[in-house]
Amino acid sequence: MSNWQSKLPWIQAFYAIKSNPIFPLLNDLSAKENVGFDCASKTEIKIALELGTQPKDIVYSNPVKLESDLAWANKKGIRLTTADTL
């Protein structure tokens, strides 16, 4: 267990797939306890799901989302998202 997880166990890390989407790294991260994925697109959500990530461990983070992609993510069980506002 990492130091930050021992000190802040209520915090869950979400790795942004767009920052470095290479599969060896994503596979390694998907095997870690208490690590989720920050996905900016439907494609990235599909990758996270293919890695076996649970929907509760995925956040749909793109500030501009198509309504159809939001509906698709909802059907897949993705319940976390972000919103930007003025």
C-alpha atoms as a PDB file:
ATOM      1  CA  MET A   1       0.000   0.000   0.000  1.00  0.00           C
ATOM      2  CA  SER A   2       1.394   3.383  -0.905  1.00  0.00           C
ATOM      3  CA  ASN A   3       2.034   6.039   1.701  1.00  0.00           C
ATOM      4  CA  TRP A   4      -0.766   8.313   0.455  1.00  0.00           C
ATOM      5  CA  GLN A   5      -3.245   5.421   0.557  1.00  0.00           C
ATOM      6  CA  SER A   6      -2.290   4.624   4.147  1.00  0.00           C
ATOM      7  CA  LYS A   7      -2.677   8.296   5.157  1.00  0.00           C
ATOM      8  CA  LEU A   8      -5.728   9.129   2.982  1.00  0.00           C
ATOM      9  CA  PRO A   9      -7.603   5.836   2.497  1.00  0.00           C
ATOM     10  CA  TRP A  10     -10.814   7.597   1.416  1.00  0.00           C
ATOM     11  CA  ILE A  11      -9.083   9.039  -1.680  1.00  0.00           C
ATOM     12  CA  GLN A  12      -9.303   7.134  -4.969  1.00  0.00           C
ATOM     13  CA  ALA A  13      -6.888   7.937  -7.774  1.00  0.00           C
ATOM     14  CA  PHE A  14      -8.252   8.199 -11.324  1.00  0.00           C
ATOM     15  CA  TYR A  15      -5.566   7.878 -14.000  1.00  0.00           C
ATOM     16  CA  ALA A  16      -6.233  10.025 -17.101  1.00  0.00           C
ATOM     17  CA  ILE A  17      -5.972   7.583 -20.002  1.00  0.00           C
ATOM     18  CA  LYS A  18      -5.318  10.435 -22.454  1.00  0.00           C
ATOM     19  CA  SER A  19      -2.058  11.293 -20.684  1.00  0.00           C
ATOM     20  CA  ASN A  20      -0.337   8.023 -21.688  1.00  0.00           C
ATOM     21  CA  PRO A  21      -2.627   5.379 -23.209  1.00  0.00           C
ATOM     22  CA  ILE A  22      -0.103   2.559 -23.646  1.00  0.00           C
ATOM     23  CA  PHE A  23      -1.577  -0.826 -22.777  1.00  0.00           C
ATOM     24  CA  PRO A  24       1.235  -2.172 -20.544  1.00  0.00           C
ATOM     25  CA  LEU A  25       0.796   0.848 -18.265  1.00  0.00           C
ATOM     26  CA  LEU A  26      -3.001   0.657 -18.344  1.00  0.00           C
ATOM     27  CA  ASN A  27      -2.896  -3.076 -17.584  1.00  0.00           C
ATOM     28  CA  ASP A  28      -0.607  -2.460 -14.626  1.00  0.00           C
ATOM     29  CA  LEU A  29      -2.818   0.313 -13.283  1.00  0.00           C
ATOM     30  CA  SER A  30      -5.996  -1.713 -13.741  1.00  0.00           C
ATOM     31  CA  ALA A  31      -4.533  -4.382 -11.460  1.00  0.00           C
ATOM     32  CA  LYS A  32      -3.893  -1.860  -8.663  1.00  0.00           C
ATOM     33  CA  GLU A  33      -6.275  -1.598  -5.773  1.00  0.00           C
ATOM     34  CA  ASN A  34      -8.167   1.682  -5.436  1.00  0.00           C
ATOM     35  CA  VAL A  35      -7.145   3.075  -8.859  1.00  0.00           C
ATOM     36  CA  GLY A  36      -9.737   4.085 -11.424  1.00  0.00           C
ATOM     37  CA  PHE A  37      -9.649   5.695 -14.842  1.00  0.00           C
ATOM     38  CA  ASP A  38     -10.428   9.242 -15.938  1.00  0.00           C
ATOM     39  CA  CYS A  39     -11.884   8.906 -19.435  1.00  0.00           C
ATOM     40  CA  ALA A  40     -12.336  11.809 -21.821  1.00  0.00           C
ATOM     41  CA  SER A  41     -14.163   9.886 -24.551  1.00  0.00           C
ATOM     42  CA  LYS A  42     -16.358   6.917 -25.329  1.00  0.00           C
ATOM     43  CA  THR A  43     -13.282   5.185 -26.755  1.00  0.00           C
ATOM     44  CA  GLU A  44     -11.377   5.617 -23.499  1.00  0.00           C
ATOM     45  CA  ILE A  45     -14.354   4.297 -21.518  1.00  0.00           C
ATOM     46  CA  LYS A  46     -14.405   1.232 -23.783  1.00  0.00           C
ATOM     47  CA  ILE A  47     -10.687   0.685 -23.113  1.00  0.00           C
ATOM     48  CA  ALA A  48     -11.206   0.930 -19.346  1.00  0.00           C
ATOM     49  CA  LEU A  49     -14.102  -1.525 -19.484  1.00  0.00           C
ATOM     50  CA  GLU A  50     -12.084  -3.942 -21.657  1.00  0.00           C
ATOM     51  CA  LEU A  51      -9.371  -3.876 -18.980  1.00  0.00           C
ATOM     52  CA  GLY A  52     -11.983  -5.141 -16.526  1.00  0.00           C
ATOM     53  CA  THR A  53     -12.453  -1.852 -14.711  1.00  0.00           C
ATOM     54  CA  GLN A  54     -15.713  -1.651 -12.807  1.00  0.00           C
ATOM     55  CA  PRO A  55     -18.030   1.182 -13.905  1.00  0.00           C
ATOM     56  CA  LYS A  56     -17.846   2.662 -10.383  1.00  0.00           C
ATOM     57  CA  ASP A  57     -14.113   3.169 -10.983  1.00  0.00           C
ATOM     58  CA  ILE A  58     -14.533   5.225 -14.172  1.00  0.00           C
ATOM     59  CA  VAL A  59     -15.185   8.949 -14.394  1.00  0.00           C
ATOM     60  CA  TYR A  60     -16.319  10.495 -17.688  1.00  0.00           C
ATOM     61  CA  SER A  61     -14.367  13.722 -17.561  1.00  0.00           C
ATOM     62  CA  ASN A  62     -14.594  15.511 -20.884  1.00  0.00           C
ATOM     63  CA  PRO A  63     -16.042  19.014 -20.354  1.00  0.00           C
ATOM     64  CA  VAL A  64     -17.896  18.696 -23.680  1.00  0.00           C
ATOM     65  CA  LYS A  65     -19.929  15.503 -23.884  1.00  0.00           C
ATOM     66  CA  LEU A  66     -22.370  14.398 -26.547  1.00  0.00           C
ATOM     67  CA  GLU A  67     -25.781  13.642 -25.111  1.00  0.00           C
ATOM     68  CA  SER A  68     -25.699  10.268 -26.888  1.00  0.00           C
ATOM     69  CA  ASP A  69     -22.330   9.446 -25.261  1.00  0.00           C
ATOM     70  CA  LEU A  70     -23.697  10.364 -21.832  1.00  0.00           C
ATOM     71  CA  ALA A  71     -26.658   8.047 -22.423  1.00  0.00           C
ATOM     72  CA  TRP A  72     -24.302   5.269 -23.598  1.00  0.00           C
ATOM     73  CA  ALA A  73     -22.066   5.713 -20.515  1.00  0.00           C
ATOM     74  CA  ASN A  74     -25.128   5.600 -18.284  1.00  0.00           C
ATOM     75  CA  LYS A  75     -26.223   2.302 -19.883  1.00  0.00           C
ATOM     76  CA  LYS A  76     -22.734   0.933 -19.157  1.00  0.00           C
ATOM     77  CA  GLY A  77     -23.106   1.899 -15.485  1.00  0.00           C
ATOM     78  CA  ILE A  78     -20.813   4.936 -15.496  1.00  0.00           C
ATOM     79  CA  ARG A  79     -22.218   7.237 -12.814  1.00  0.00           C
ATOM     80  CA  LEU A  80     -19.313   9.653 -12.234  1.00  0.00           C
ATOM     81  CA  THR A  81     -18.793  12.660 -14.473  1.00  0.00           C
ATOM     82  CA  THR A  82     -17.432  16.176 -14.329  1.00  0.00           C
ATOM     83  CA  ALA A  83     -19.064  19.474 -15.188  1.00  0.00           C
ATOM     84  CA  ASP A  84     -17.533  22.842 -15.982  1.00  0.00           C
ATOM     85  CA  THR A  85     -19.424  26.034 -15.340  1.00  0.00           C
ATOM     86  CA  LEU A  86     -18.902  29.760 -15.193  1.00  0.00           C
END
